[in-house]
Amino acid sequence: MDLKIYLWLKAGHLISLFLWVGGLFAIYWMLRLHAHAPKDTHEKLTLMERSIALATDIASAVAIGTGLGMIFGAPGGNMLTQPGAGWLHIKLTLVVLGILPVHGMLRARIKKFGMGQITPVPQWLWSLFLASITVIVILVVRGPLMFAK
């Protein structure tokens, strides 16, 4: 793949990633507030949560798509098979086991809130999300140097 295309993919990946993570932050805290909000505000809160969730769905699809494009179309070939790519394997595992489940659980919670089943969002969800993002950022910034031979 041409370097210019790769850089456009990287820009798209970062923009959509920021929108995805920012949307999940917003949804989590809106749901936390929603559980304690007066009943007359539940419908409006649910509509706002659904709107932000739709944006996060689109952003996640773009982030995943551009990420896969970068992995398999990187200059020099498939990034997963290059020497020192262990950091990327760990990063992808964290996305699959840390970020995607949080996204899915927040979407499910929005649906339950919309049906009137309002229960507080568990704190461990926030902890999982923050821990995953922290380790992912460290791996992206330091991983290529830490795993280099």
Protein backbone atom coordinates (compact mmCIF):
# COMPACT_ATOMS: atom_id res chain seq x y z
CA MET A 1 0.00 0.00 0.00
CA ASP A 2 1.14 3.52 -0.78
CA LEU A 3 2.41 5.49 2.24
CA LYS A 4 -0.05 8.34 1.53
CA ILE A 5 -3.01 5.97 1.76
CA TYR A 6 -1.59 4.44 4.93
CA LEU A 7 -1.33 7.89 6.52
CA TRP A 8 -4.94 8.69 5.55
CA LEU A 9 -6.01 5.40 7.17
CA LYS A 10 -4.07 6.34 10.29
CA ALA A 11 -5.75 9.76 10.44
CA GLY A 12 -9.18 8.14 10.01
CA HIS A 13 -8.33 5.58 12.67
CA LEU A 14 -7.32 8.23 15.20
CA ILE A 15 -10.31 10.51 14.52
CA SER A 16 -12.82 7.68 14.75
CA LEU A 17 -11.06 6.27 17.81
CA PHE A 18 -11.38 9.61 19.63
CA LEU A 19 -15.07 9.80 18.73
CA TRP A 20 -15.65 6.18 19.78
CA VAL A 21 -13.90 6.47 23.15
CA GLY A 22 -15.38 9.92 23.83
CA GLY A 23 -18.85 8.62 23.06
CA LEU A 24 -18.40 5.67 25.42
CA PHE A 25 -17.21 8.04 28.16
CA ALA A 26 -20.31 10.21 27.63
CA ILE A 27 -22.71 7.25 27.55
CA TYR A 28 -21.27 5.71 30.69
CA TRP A 29 -21.68 8.90 32.71
CA MET A 30 -25.10 9.66 31.24
CA LEU A 31 -26.29 6.21 32.29
CA ARG A 32 -24.86 6.74 35.78
CA LEU A 33 -26.82 10.00 36.04
CA HIS A 34 -29.88 8.50 34.39
CA ALA A 35 -30.25 5.92 37.16
CA HIS A 36 -30.73 8.76 39.68
CA ALA A 37 -32.63 11.25 37.49
CA PRO A 38 -36.28 12.18 38.01
CA LYS A 39 -38.73 10.00 36.08
CA ASP A 40 -39.91 12.87 33.87
CA THR A 41 -36.42 13.15 32.33
CA HIS A 42 -35.96 9.43 31.50
CA GLU A 43 -37.35 9.64 27.97
CA LYS A 44 -35.16 12.60 26.99
CA LEU A 45 -32.08 11.00 28.53
CA THR A 46 -32.74 7.77 26.64
CA LEU A 47 -33.03 9.67 23.35
CA MET A 48 -29.73 11.46 24.00
CA GLU A 49 -28.04 8.19 24.97
CA ARG A 50 -29.30 6.51 21.81
CA SER A 51 -28.06 9.39 19.65
CA ILE A 52 -24.58 9.26 21.15
CA ALA A 53 -24.60 5.45 20.93
CA LEU A 54 -25.36 5.57 17.21
CA ALA A 55 -22.38 7.89 16.71
CA THR A 56 -20.17 5.52 18.72
CA ASP A 57 -21.37 2.57 16.63
CA ILE A 58 -20.36 4.37 13.43
CA ALA A 59 -17.06 5.56 14.93
CA SER A 60 -16.22 2.04 16.16
CA ALA A 61 -16.89 0.57 12.72
CA VAL A 62 -14.63 3.16 11.08
CA ALA A 63 -11.91 2.69 13.74
CA ILE A 64 -11.96 -1.09 13.31
CA GLY A 65 -12.07 -0.88 9.51
CA THR A 66 -9.21 1.60 9.23
CA GLY A 67 -7.24 -0.34 11.84
CA LEU A 68 -7.57 -3.55 9.86
CA GLY A 69 -6.65 -1.64 6.71
CA MET A 70 -3.48 -0.41 8.39
CA ILE A 71 -2.60 -3.87 9.72
CA PHE A 72 -3.00 -5.75 6.45
CA GLY A 73 -1.95 -2.96 4.07
CA ALA A 74 1.02 -1.55 5.95
CA PRO A 75 4.12 -0.66 4.01
CA GLY A 76 6.31 -3.71 4.43
CA GLY A 77 3.42 -6.18 4.61
CA ASN A 78 1.11 -7.60 7.23
CA MET A 79 1.97 -5.94 10.57
CA LEU A 80 0.91 -9.00 12.58
CA THR A 81 3.71 -11.12 11.13
CA GLN A 82 6.50 -8.56 11.33
CA PRO A 83 9.23 -9.02 13.94
CA GLY A 84 8.45 -7.24 17.21
CA ALA A 85 4.67 -7.16 16.59
CA GLY A 86 3.83 -8.65 19.99
CA TRP A 87 2.61 -5.25 21.20
CA LEU A 88 0.03 -5.21 18.39
CA HIS A 89 -1.27 -8.65 19.35
CA ILE A 90 -1.71 -7.49 22.95
CA LYS A 91 -3.38 -4.26 21.80
CA LEU A 92 -5.88 -6.14 19.63
CA THR A 93 -6.61 -8.54 22.49
CA LEU A 94 -7.36 -5.57 24.77
CA VAL A 95 -9.67 -4.05 22.17
CA VAL A 96 -11.57 -7.34 21.84
CA LEU A 97 -11.67 -8.18 25.58
CA GLY A 98 -11.74 -4.67 27.08
CA ILE A 99 -13.30 -2.08 24.77
CA LEU A 100 -15.81 -4.03 22.66
CA PRO A 101 -17.50 -5.69 25.68
CA VAL A 102 -17.89 -2.30 27.38
CA HIS A 103 -19.43 -0.92 24.19
CA GLY A 104 -21.85 -3.85 23.99
CA MET A 105 -22.81 -3.67 27.67
CA LEU A 106 -23.48 0.06 27.47
CA ARG A 107 -25.65 -0.49 24.38
CA ALA A 108 -27.58 -3.20 26.22
CA ARG A 109 -28.01 -0.92 29.23
CA ILE A 110 -29.42 1.85 27.00
CA LYS A 111 -31.97 -0.63 25.65
CA LYS A 112 -32.95 -1.70 29.18
CA PHE A 113 -33.25 1.92 30.32
CA GLY A 114 -35.48 2.61 27.32
CA MET A 115 -37.78 -0.23 28.44
CA GLY A 116 -37.97 1.20 31.96
CA GLN A 117 -35.57 -1.29 33.57
CA ILE A 118 -33.35 1.27 35.26
CA THR A 119 -30.54 -0.07 37.42
CA PRO A 120 -27.19 1.54 38.22
CA VAL A 121 -24.30 0.89 35.85
CA PRO A 122 -21.61 -1.19 37.57
CA GLN A 123 -18.39 0.57 38.57
CA TRP A 124 -16.22 -2.30 37.31
CA LEU A 125 -17.27 -1.43 33.75
CA TRP A 126 -15.59 1.96 34.10
CA SER A 127 -12.49 0.37 35.61
CA LEU A 128 -12.23 -2.16 32.77
CA PHE A 129 -12.64 0.60 30.19
CA LEU A 130 -10.01 2.89 31.72
CA ALA A 131 -7.51 0.09 32.31
CA SER A 132 -7.90 -1.14 28.73
CA ILE A 133 -7.47 2.32 27.23
CA THR A 134 -4.46 3.07 29.43
CA VAL A 135 -2.62 -0.10 28.45
CA ILE A 136 -3.55 0.33 24.77
CA VAL A 137 -2.13 3.85 24.68
CA ILE A 138 1.07 2.71 26.41
CA LEU A 139 1.42 -0.16 23.93
CA VAL A 140 0.88 2.06 20.89
CA VAL A 141 3.36 4.67 22.09
CA ARG A 142 6.02 2.45 23.71
CA GLY A 143 5.25 -1.02 22.32
CA PRO A 144 7.22 -0.86 19.09
CA LEU A 145 10.32 0.11 21.09
CA MET A 146 9.72 -2.36 23.95
CA PHE A 147 9.13 -5.31 21.60
CA ALA A 148 11.84 -4.45 19.05
CA LYS A 149 14.65 -6.96 18.73
